[in-house]
Protein backbone atom coordinates (compact mmCIF):
# COMPACT_ATOMS: atom_id res chain seq x y z
CA UNK A 1 106.14 82.50 117.72
CA UNK A 2 102.54 80.65 117.25
CA UNK A 3 102.41 77.19 116.44
CA UNK A 4 98.86 76.24 114.14
CA UNK A 5 97.70 72.83 113.14
CA UNK A 6 96.24 72.39 109.82
CA UNK A 7 95.06 69.97 107.63
CA UNK A 8 96.56 69.20 104.71
CA UNK A 9 96.09 66.18 101.56
CA UNK A 10 98.43 63.47 100.49
CA UNK A 11 99.25 65.47 97.74
CA UNK A 12 100.11 68.84 99.44
CA UNK A 13 102.19 66.74 102.29
CA UNK A 14 103.80 64.60 99.67
CA UNK A 15 104.84 67.97 97.87
CA UNK A 16 106.14 69.23 101.27
CA UNK A 17 108.54 65.80 102.18
CA UNK A 18 109.63 66.88 98.04
CA UNK A 19 110.58 70.39 99.00
CA UNK A 20 112.53 68.80 102.50
CA UNK A 21 114.05 65.72 100.58
CA UNK A 22 115.75 67.65 97.87
CA UNK A 23 117.31 70.08 100.44
CA UNK A 24 115.15 73.11 99.12
CA UNK A 25 114.07 73.61 102.85
CA UNK A 26 115.63 72.44 106.03
CA UNK A 27 111.99 71.35 107.41
CA UNK A 28 108.42 71.12 106.79
CA UNK A 29 108.18 74.29 109.45
CA UNK A 30 110.12 76.19 106.85
CA UNK A 31 108.49 75.13 103.58
CA UNK A 32 104.50 76.48 105.02
CA UNK A 33 106.26 79.58 106.19
CA UNK A 34 107.66 80.45 102.71
CA UNK A 35 104.41 79.45 101.35
CA UNK A 36 102.70 82.15 103.53
CA UNK A 37 105.03 84.80 102.82
CA UNK A 38 104.88 84.22 98.77
CA UNK A 39 100.89 84.36 99.66
CA UNK A 40 101.12 87.92 101.29
CA UNK A 41 103.59 89.19 98.74
CA UNK A 42 101.23 87.79 96.23
CA UNK A 43 98.27 90.24 98.06
CA UNK A 44 101.16 93.16 98.23
CA UNK A 45 101.52 92.79 94.48
CA UNK A 46 97.58 91.96 93.26
CA UNK A 47 96.42 95.42 95.62
CA UNK A 48 99.46 97.56 94.16
CA UNK A 49 98.42 96.45 90.58
CA UNK A 50 94.79 97.15 91.61
CA UNK A 51 96.01 101.07 92.39
CA UNK A 52 97.17 101.43 89.72
CA UNK A 53 94.38 100.03 87.62
CA UNK A 54 91.80 101.97 89.78
CA UNK A 55 94.37 105.31 89.05
CA UNK A 56 94.19 104.71 85.58
CA UNK A 57 90.74 104.00 85.15
CA UNK A 58 90.26 107.76 86.91
CA UNK A 59 88.68 106.11 90.27
CA UNK A 60 91.31 108.03 92.54
CA UNK A 61 90.33 110.92 94.34
CA UNK A 62 93.46 114.14 94.25
CA UNK A 63 93.91 116.78 96.18
CA UNK A 64 93.17 117.98 99.80
CA UNK A 65 91.26 116.02 101.71
CA UNK A 66 89.44 117.99 103.86
CA UNK A 67 88.16 119.78 100.30
CA UNK A 68 87.69 116.38 99.20
CA UNK A 69 85.36 115.48 102.64
CA UNK A 70 83.29 118.63 101.85
CA UNK A 71 82.25 118.19 98.66
CA UNK A 72 80.66 114.69 99.99
CA UNK A 73 79.04 116.57 102.93
């Protein structure tokens, strides 16, 4: 496991300490890992929603990739 050092502001630090104090996370590291996991999940959902929107807008190419590629050559 890699360790990184990231400066945070006092509000972020207070929030993390509050999570630990209330027992929502066992320690500060877990709080930060969960935040990163939630950000990754949010990014994945946004990617799926964007793909769905592109599909609805007809921006997705369908068919045999080789035949499609020939059209652009």
